Amino acid sequence: MTSSENPKNPHRFNVFAAACPSRKLLNDVTRRWSILVLATLLDGALRFGQIRERVDGISDRMLSATLGALAEDRLIVKDDADGTYVLTEPGRQIARQSLDLFDSLYLALDEIVNARQAGSGAAGASAGVVAPDDVAGSSDGAAGAPAGAAS
């Protein structure tokens, strides 16, 4: 379906056009840290340190830059009174959809891992593929997923 035929896109934004503002937003949202921060904030308002604890591997500098970019895009706002970050409604919509993307990635990864293991035995491990059971913190089947987030 083209953008001109999509009822969810009455302004006819076209993410495939380089000059369209939707392209910048797509780029900002799909950065690795941005999408993880958005999904983390589905749990509710969080302080900087709480976000850093939940998004494993992000540095303070990168988290600060990511929060700034998401605030500039109006996907999050900071409550200066208590120092928390919270999703705006557009941010919440994007974050909810990111959970569907994560689920799709998990399903695809299961298939990829199984195919690599069946096709090449131990070669999957040498290619950097980690089986789901080997991922730290994945005992609940949702490694890295926000605690209260559900699809």
N, C-alpha and C. Protein backbone atom coordinates (compact mmCIF):
# COMPACT_ATOMS: atom_id res chain seq x y z
N MET A 1 0.85 -1.17 0.00
CA MET A 1 0.00 0.00 0.00
C MET A 1 0.90 1.23 0.00
N THR A 2 0.68 2.13 -0.91
CA THR A 2 1.49 3.34 -0.96
C THR A 2 0.99 4.34 0.08
N SER A 3 1.82 5.33 0.37
CA SER A 3 1.45 6.30 1.39
C SER A 3 0.19 7.06 1.03
N SER A 4 -0.07 7.27 -0.26
CA SER A 4 -1.26 8.02 -0.65
C SER A 4 -2.54 7.21 -0.48
N GLU A 5 -2.42 5.88 -0.35
CA GLU A 5 -3.59 5.02 -0.18
C GLU A 5 -3.84 4.64 1.28
N ASN A 6 -2.96 5.05 2.18
CA ASN A 6 -3.03 4.63 3.57
C ASN A 6 -3.87 5.60 4.39
N PRO A 7 -5.01 5.15 4.92
CA PRO A 7 -5.87 6.04 5.71
C PRO A 7 -5.21 6.49 7.02
N LYS A 8 -4.18 5.76 7.48
CA LYS A 8 -3.46 6.16 8.68
C LYS A 8 -2.45 7.27 8.39
N ASN A 9 -2.33 7.65 7.13
CA ASN A 9 -1.34 8.64 6.72
C ASN A 9 -2.02 9.74 5.89
N PRO A 10 -2.93 10.51 6.50
CA PRO A 10 -3.68 11.51 5.73
C PRO A 10 -2.80 12.63 5.17
N HIS A 11 -1.62 12.84 5.76
CA HIS A 11 -0.73 13.90 5.27
C HIS A 11 0.15 13.43 4.12
N ARG A 12 0.03 12.14 3.82
CA ARG A 12 0.78 11.52 2.72
C ARG A 12 2.30 11.64 2.90
N PHE A 13 2.74 11.44 4.14
CA PHE A 13 4.17 11.35 4.38
C PHE A 13 4.69 10.14 3.61
N ASN A 14 5.94 10.22 3.19
CA ASN A 14 6.52 9.13 2.41
C ASN A 14 7.92 8.84 2.93
N VAL A 15 8.04 7.83 3.75
CA VAL A 15 9.31 7.49 4.37
C VAL A 15 10.38 7.09 3.35
N PHE A 16 9.94 6.76 2.14
CA PHE A 16 10.90 6.39 1.10
C PHE A 16 11.52 7.60 0.41
N ALA A 17 10.95 8.79 0.62
CA ALA A 17 11.47 10.03 0.04
C ALA A 17 12.48 10.65 1.01
N ALA A 18 13.68 10.90 0.53
CA ALA A 18 14.76 11.40 1.38
C ALA A 18 14.42 12.71 2.08
N ALA A 19 13.67 13.57 1.45
CA ALA A 19 13.37 14.89 2.03
C ALA A 19 12.16 14.90 2.97
N CYS A 20 11.47 13.80 3.08
CA CYS A 20 10.26 13.74 3.91
C CYS A 20 10.66 13.72 5.39
N PRO A 21 9.98 14.51 6.24
CA PRO A 21 10.31 14.50 7.68
C PRO A 21 10.11 13.14 8.34
N SER A 22 9.30 12.29 7.73
CA SER A 22 9.12 10.96 8.31
C SER A 22 10.41 10.15 8.24
N ARG A 23 11.27 10.45 7.27
CA ARG A 23 12.55 9.73 7.15
C ARG A 23 13.43 10.02 8.36
N LYS A 24 13.51 11.29 8.79
CA LYS A 24 14.32 11.63 9.96
C LYS A 24 13.77 10.93 11.20
N LEU A 25 12.45 10.96 11.37
CA LEU A 25 11.85 10.32 12.53
C LEU A 25 12.12 8.81 12.52
N LEU A 26 12.00 8.19 11.37
CA LEU A 26 12.30 6.76 11.25
C LEU A 26 13.74 6.49 11.68
N ASN A 27 14.65 7.31 11.20
CA ASN A 27 16.05 7.15 11.56
C ASN A 27 16.26 7.30 13.06
N ASP A 28 15.64 8.33 13.65
CA ASP A 28 15.79 8.56 15.08
C ASP A 28 15.21 7.41 15.91
N VAL A 29 14.05 6.93 15.54
CA VAL A 29 13.35 5.89 16.32
C VAL A 29 14.03 4.54 16.19
N THR A 30 14.56 4.22 15.02
CA THR A 30 15.10 2.88 14.81
C THR A 30 16.57 2.75 15.20
N ARG A 31 17.13 3.78 15.73
CA ARG A 31 18.47 3.61 16.29
C ARG A 31 18.36 2.63 17.45
N ARG A 32 19.36 1.82 17.59
CA ARG A 32 19.34 0.75 18.59
C ARG A 32 18.94 1.25 19.97
N TRP A 33 19.56 2.28 20.46
CA TRP A 33 19.28 2.73 21.82
C TRP A 33 17.92 3.40 21.91
N SER A 34 17.52 4.13 20.89
CA SER A 34 16.23 4.84 20.93
C SER A 34 15.07 3.88 21.09
N ILE A 35 15.04 2.84 20.29
CA ILE A 35 13.91 1.92 20.35
C ILE A 35 13.88 1.18 21.68
N LEU A 36 15.05 0.90 22.24
CA LEU A 36 15.10 0.23 23.54
C LEU A 36 14.64 1.16 24.66
N VAL A 37 15.03 2.42 24.60
CA VAL A 37 14.59 3.39 25.61
C VAL A 37 13.08 3.60 25.53
N LEU A 38 12.56 3.73 24.32
CA LEU A 38 11.11 3.90 24.17
C LEU A 38 10.37 2.71 24.78
N ALA A 39 10.81 1.52 24.46
CA ALA A 39 10.14 0.32 24.99
C ALA A 39 10.26 0.25 26.51
N THR A 40 11.39 0.65 27.05
CA THR A 40 11.58 0.65 28.49
C THR A 40 10.62 1.59 29.18
N LEU A 41 10.34 2.72 28.56
CA LEU A 41 9.46 3.72 29.17
C LEU A 41 7.98 3.31 29.14
N LEU A 42 7.66 2.21 28.48
CA LEU A 42 6.29 1.69 28.56
C LEU A 42 5.92 1.30 29.99
N ASP A 43 6.92 1.03 30.81
CA ASP A 43 6.67 0.69 32.21
C ASP A 43 6.21 1.90 33.02
N GLY A 44 6.35 3.09 32.47
CA GLY A 44 5.98 4.31 33.18
C GLY A 44 7.16 5.23 33.32
N ALA A 45 6.95 6.32 34.04
CA ALA A 45 7.98 7.33 34.22
C ALA A 45 9.20 6.74 34.93
N LEU A 46 10.37 7.01 34.38
CA LEU A 46 11.61 6.49 34.96
C LEU A 46 12.67 7.60 35.00
N ARG A 47 13.54 7.52 35.98
CA ARG A 47 14.67 8.44 36.09
C ARG A 47 15.81 7.93 35.22
N PHE A 48 16.76 8.81 34.96
CA PHE A 48 17.91 8.50 34.11
C PHE A 48 18.58 7.19 34.54
N GLY A 49 18.90 7.07 35.82
CA GLY A 49 19.59 5.88 36.31
C GLY A 49 18.77 4.61 36.16
N GLN A 50 17.46 4.73 36.31
CA GLN A 50 16.59 3.56 36.14
C GLN A 50 16.59 3.09 34.69
N ILE A 51 16.58 4.04 33.77
CA ILE A 51 16.62 3.68 32.35
C ILE A 51 17.96 3.01 32.04
N ARG A 52 19.05 3.59 32.54
CA ARG A 52 20.39 3.04 32.31
C ARG A 52 20.48 1.61 32.84
N GLU A 53 19.88 1.33 33.99
CA GLU A 53 19.91 -0.03 34.55
C GLU A 53 19.14 -1.02 33.69
N ARG A 54 18.05 -0.58 33.08
CA ARG A 54 17.19 -1.48 32.30
C ARG A 54 17.69 -1.69 30.88
N VAL A 55 18.39 -0.71 30.34
CA VAL A 55 18.92 -0.82 28.97
C VAL A 55 20.40 -1.19 29.10
N ASP A 56 20.64 -2.44 29.23
CA ASP A 56 21.98 -2.97 29.47
C ASP A 56 22.95 -2.55 28.37
N GLY A 57 24.11 -2.03 28.76
CA GLY A 57 25.16 -1.72 27.81
C GLY A 57 25.21 -0.27 27.35
N ILE A 58 24.21 0.53 27.66
CA ILE A 58 24.21 1.92 27.21
C ILE A 58 25.06 2.76 28.17
N SER A 59 25.88 3.62 27.61
CA SER A 59 26.70 4.51 28.44
C SER A 59 25.89 5.73 28.85
N ASP A 60 26.35 6.42 29.87
CA ASP A 60 25.67 7.64 30.31
C ASP A 60 25.61 8.66 29.17
N ARG A 61 26.71 8.78 28.46
CA ARG A 61 26.78 9.74 27.36
C ARG A 61 25.77 9.40 26.26
N MET A 62 25.70 8.12 25.89
CA MET A 62 24.77 7.71 24.84
C MET A 62 23.32 7.83 25.31
N LEU A 63 23.06 7.50 26.56
CA LEU A 63 21.71 7.64 27.08
C LEU A 63 21.29 9.10 27.09
N SER A 64 22.18 9.97 27.49
CA SER A 64 21.87 11.40 27.49
C SER A 64 21.55 11.89 26.08
N ALA A 65 22.36 11.49 25.11
CA ALA A 65 22.13 11.89 23.72
C ALA A 65 20.82 11.31 23.19
N THR A 66 20.55 10.07 23.54
CA THR A 66 19.32 9.41 23.08
C THR A 66 18.09 10.08 23.67
N LEU A 67 18.12 10.37 24.96
CA LEU A 67 17.00 11.05 25.60
C LEU A 67 16.79 12.43 24.98
N GLY A 68 17.88 13.12 24.68
CA GLY A 68 17.77 14.43 24.04
C GLY A 68 17.12 14.35 22.67
N ALA A 69 17.52 13.36 21.88
CA ALA A 69 16.95 13.20 20.53
C ALA A 69 15.47 12.83 20.61
N LEU A 70 15.12 11.94 21.53
CA LEU A 70 13.72 11.54 21.67
C LEU A 70 12.86 12.70 22.17
N ALA A 71 13.41 13.52 23.04
CA ALA A 71 12.69 14.70 23.51
C ALA A 71 12.53 15.73 22.39
N GLU A 72 13.56 15.89 21.58
CA GLU A 72 13.48 16.81 20.44
C GLU A 72 12.40 16.37 19.46
N ASP A 73 12.27 15.06 19.29
CA ASP A 73 11.23 14.51 18.41
C ASP A 73 9.86 14.49 19.08
N ARG A 74 9.79 14.90 20.32
CA ARG A 74 8.54 14.96 21.10
C ARG A 74 7.94 13.57 21.34
N LEU A 75 8.82 12.57 21.46
CA LEU A 75 8.37 11.22 21.78
C LEU A 75 8.41 10.96 23.28
N ILE A 76 9.22 11.75 23.98
CA ILE A 76 9.28 11.70 25.43
C ILE A 76 9.33 13.13 25.96
N VAL A 77 8.99 13.27 27.22
CA VAL A 77 9.16 14.54 27.92
C VAL A 77 9.81 14.26 29.27
N LYS A 78 10.54 15.26 29.76
CA LYS A 78 11.16 15.13 31.07
C LYS A 78 10.37 15.98 32.05
N ASP A 79 10.01 15.37 33.16
CA ASP A 79 9.35 16.09 34.24
C ASP A 79 10.46 16.63 35.15
N ASP A 80 10.73 17.92 35.04
CA ASP A 80 11.84 18.50 35.80
C ASP A 80 11.59 18.45 37.30
N ALA A 81 10.34 18.39 37.73
CA ALA A 81 10.03 18.36 39.16
C ALA A 81 10.59 17.11 39.83
N ASP A 82 10.47 15.96 39.18
CA ASP A 82 10.98 14.73 39.80
C ASP A 82 12.08 14.05 38.97
N GLY A 83 12.48 14.67 37.87
CA GLY A 83 13.59 14.15 37.07
C GLY A 83 13.29 12.88 36.31
N THR A 84 12.02 12.63 36.02
CA THR A 84 11.66 11.42 35.30
C THR A 84 11.36 11.73 33.84
N TYR A 85 11.49 10.69 33.04
CA TYR A 85 11.15 10.76 31.61
C TYR A 85 9.90 9.93 31.40
N VAL A 86 9.03 10.43 30.53
CA VAL A 86 7.77 9.74 30.27
C VAL A 86 7.46 9.84 28.77
N LEU A 87 6.79 8.82 28.27
CA LEU A 87 6.39 8.81 26.86
C LEU A 87 5.26 9.79 26.60
N THR A 88 5.29 10.44 25.44
CA THR A 88 4.14 11.17 24.95
C THR A 88 3.24 10.14 24.26
N GLU A 89 2.06 10.55 23.83
CA GLU A 89 1.18 9.58 23.15
C GLU A 89 1.82 9.04 21.87
N PRO A 90 2.43 9.90 21.01
CA PRO A 90 3.11 9.32 19.84
C PRO A 90 4.24 8.38 20.24
N GLY A 91 4.97 8.72 21.28
CA GLY A 91 6.05 7.85 21.77
C GLY A 91 5.51 6.52 22.26
N ARG A 92 4.37 6.56 22.94
CA ARG A 92 3.73 5.34 23.44
C ARG A 92 3.30 4.44 22.28
N GLN A 93 2.73 5.04 21.24
CA GLN A 93 2.30 4.25 20.07
C GLN A 93 3.49 3.56 19.42
N ILE A 94 4.57 4.30 19.25
CA ILE A 94 5.77 3.72 18.63
C ILE A 94 6.37 2.64 19.53
N ALA A 95 6.41 2.89 20.83
CA ALA A 95 6.97 1.91 21.77
C ALA A 95 6.16 0.63 21.76
N ARG A 96 4.84 0.74 21.73
CA ARG A 96 3.99 -0.47 21.68
C ARG A 96 4.29 -1.28 20.43
N GLN A 97 4.42 -0.61 19.31
CA GLN A 97 4.72 -1.31 18.06
C GLN A 97 6.11 -1.94 18.10
N SER A 98 7.03 -1.33 18.84
CA SER A 98 8.38 -1.90 18.92
C SER A 98 8.34 -3.27 19.59
N LEU A 99 7.41 -3.47 20.51
CA LEU A 99 7.29 -4.79 21.15
C LEU A 99 6.90 -5.86 20.13
N ASP A 100 6.05 -5.49 19.17
CA ASP A 100 5.71 -6.43 18.09
C ASP A 100 6.94 -6.74 17.24
N LEU A 101 7.75 -5.71 16.98
CA LEU A 101 8.99 -5.92 16.23
C LEU A 101 9.91 -6.86 17.01
N PHE A 102 10.05 -6.63 18.32
CA PHE A 102 10.90 -7.50 19.12
C PHE A 102 10.41 -8.95 19.06
N ASP A 103 9.09 -9.15 19.16
CA ASP A 103 8.54 -10.50 19.07
C ASP A 103 8.88 -11.13 17.72
N SER A 104 8.79 -10.35 16.65
CA SER A 104 9.13 -10.85 15.31
C SER A 104 10.61 -11.23 15.24
N LEU A 105 11.46 -10.41 15.87
CA LEU A 105 12.89 -10.72 15.89
C LEU A 105 13.15 -12.01 16.65
N TYR A 106 12.48 -12.19 17.80
CA TYR A 106 12.67 -13.42 18.58
C TYR A 106 12.26 -14.64 17.78
N LEU A 107 11.12 -14.55 17.09
CA LEU A 107 10.65 -15.68 16.28
C LEU A 107 11.62 -15.97 15.13
N ALA A 108 12.07 -14.91 14.47
CA ALA A 108 13.02 -15.09 13.37
C ALA A 108 14.32 -15.68 13.89
N LEU A 109 14.78 -15.21 15.04
CA LEU A 109 16.03 -15.71 15.60
C LEU A 109 15.94 -17.18 15.95
N ASP A 110 14.79 -17.60 16.50
CA ASP A 110 14.60 -19.03 16.78
C ASP A 110 14.79 -19.84 15.50
N GLU A 111 14.15 -19.39 14.43
CA GLU A 111 14.25 -20.12 13.16
C GLU A 111 15.69 -20.09 12.62
N ILE A 112 16.34 -18.95 12.72
CA ILE A 112 17.71 -18.81 12.22
C ILE A 112 18.65 -19.72 13.01
N VAL A 113 18.54 -19.69 14.33
CA VAL A 113 19.40 -20.52 15.18
C VAL A 113 19.17 -22.00 14.87
N ASN A 114 17.91 -22.41 14.78
CA ASN A 114 17.61 -23.81 14.47
C ASN A 114 18.14 -24.22 13.10
N ALA A 115 17.98 -23.36 12.10
CA ALA A 115 18.47 -23.68 10.75
C ALA A 115 19.98 -23.77 10.73
N ARG A 116 20.64 -22.87 11.43
CA ARG A 116 22.11 -22.91 11.46
C ARG A 116 22.60 -24.14 12.18
N GLN A 117 21.94 -24.50 13.27
CA GLN A 117 22.35 -25.69 14.01
C GLN A 117 22.11 -26.95 13.20
N ALA A 118 21.00 -27.00 12.49
CA ALA A 118 20.69 -28.18 11.67
C ALA A 118 21.60 -28.27 10.46
N GLY A 119 21.91 -27.12 9.87
CA GLY A 119 22.69 -27.11 8.64
C GLY A 119 24.18 -27.19 8.81
N SER A 120 24.68 -26.73 9.96
CA SER A 120 26.13 -26.70 10.08
C SER A 120 26.63 -27.15 11.44
N GLY A 121 25.81 -27.77 12.21
CA GLY A 121 26.24 -28.28 13.51
C GLY A 121 26.74 -27.17 14.40
N ALA A 122 28.00 -27.22 14.75
CA ALA A 122 28.59 -26.23 15.67
C ALA A 122 28.97 -24.94 14.97
N ALA A 123 28.80 -24.86 13.66
CA ALA A 123 29.19 -23.64 12.94
C ALA A 123 28.39 -22.44 13.38
N GLY A 124 27.16 -22.66 13.83
CA GLY A 124 26.34 -21.54 14.31
C GLY A 124 27.00 -20.84 15.48
N ALA A 125 27.62 -21.60 16.38
CA ALA A 125 28.28 -20.99 17.53
C ALA A 125 29.49 -20.19 17.08
N SER A 126 30.23 -20.70 16.08
CA SER A 126 31.40 -19.96 15.63
C SER A 126 31.02 -18.71 14.85
N ALA A 127 29.78 -18.65 14.38
CA ALA A 127 29.33 -17.46 13.65
C ALA A 127 28.77 -16.40 14.59
N GLY A 128 28.85 -16.63 15.89
CA GLY A 128 28.38 -15.64 16.85
C GLY A 128 26.93 -15.77 17.22
N VAL A 129 26.28 -16.85 16.85
CA VAL A 129 24.88 -17.06 17.19
C VAL A 129 24.80 -17.60 18.60
N VAL A 130 23.98 -16.98 19.42
CA VAL A 130 23.80 -17.41 20.80
C VAL A 130 22.42 -18.01 20.93
N ALA A 131 22.37 -19.23 21.42
CA ALA A 131 21.08 -19.88 21.63
C ALA A 131 20.31 -19.12 22.70
N PRO A 132 18.97 -19.08 22.61
CA PRO A 132 18.17 -18.34 23.58
C PRO A 132 18.46 -18.70 25.03
N ASP A 133 18.75 -19.95 25.30
CA ASP A 133 19.02 -20.38 26.68
C ASP A 133 20.35 -19.85 27.19
N ASP A 134 21.23 -19.41 26.27
CA ASP A 134 22.55 -18.92 26.65
C ASP A 134 22.56 -17.42 26.93
N VAL A 135 21.45 -16.73 26.69
CA VAL A 135 21.40 -15.28 26.88
C VAL A 135 21.19 -14.99 28.35
N ALA A 136 22.06 -14.16 28.92
CA ALA A 136 21.94 -13.81 30.34
C ALA A 136 20.61 -13.13 30.60
N GLY A 137 19.94 -13.58 31.63
CA GLY A 137 18.68 -12.95 32.03
C GLY A 137 17.49 -13.40 31.21
N SER A 138 17.65 -14.43 30.39
CA SER A 138 16.53 -14.83 29.53
C SER A 138 15.71 -15.97 30.11
N SER A 139 15.89 -16.26 31.38
CA SER A 139 15.16 -17.39 31.96
C SER A 139 13.66 -17.19 31.89
N ASP A 140 13.22 -15.93 31.81
CA ASP A 140 11.78 -15.70 31.71
C ASP A 140 11.32 -15.60 30.27
N GLY A 141 12.24 -15.79 29.33
CA GLY A 141 11.89 -15.78 27.92
C GLY A 141 11.78 -14.41 27.33
N ALA A 142 12.10 -13.38 28.10
CA ALA A 142 11.98 -12.01 27.59
C ALA A 142 13.22 -11.21 27.93
N ALA A 143 14.38 -11.70 27.54
CA ALA A 143 15.61 -11.02 27.86
C ALA A 143 15.59 -9.58 27.37
N GLY A 144 15.85 -8.68 28.27
CA GLY A 144 15.92 -7.28 27.90
C GLY A 144 14.58 -6.59 27.75
N ALA A 145 13.50 -7.29 27.86
CA ALA A 145 12.18 -6.68 27.69
C ALA A 145 11.83 -5.91 28.96
N PRO A 146 11.13 -4.81 28.79
CA PRO A 146 10.69 -4.08 29.97
C PRO A 146 9.84 -4.97 30.88
N ALA A 147 10.00 -4.78 32.17
CA ALA A 147 9.34 -5.67 33.13
C ALA A 147 7.83 -5.74 32.94
N GLY A 148 7.18 -4.62 32.74
CA GLY A 148 5.72 -4.64 32.63
C GLY A 148 5.21 -4.65 31.22
N ALA A 149 6.12 -4.72 30.26
CA ALA A 149 5.69 -4.62 28.86
C ALA A 149 5.20 -5.98 28.38
N ALA A 150 4.06 -5.95 27.75
CA ALA A 150 3.49 -7.16 27.16
C ALA A 150 2.90 -6.78 25.82
N SER A 151 2.95 -7.70 24.88
CA SER A 151 2.39 -7.39 23.56
C SER A 151 0.90 -7.54 23.58
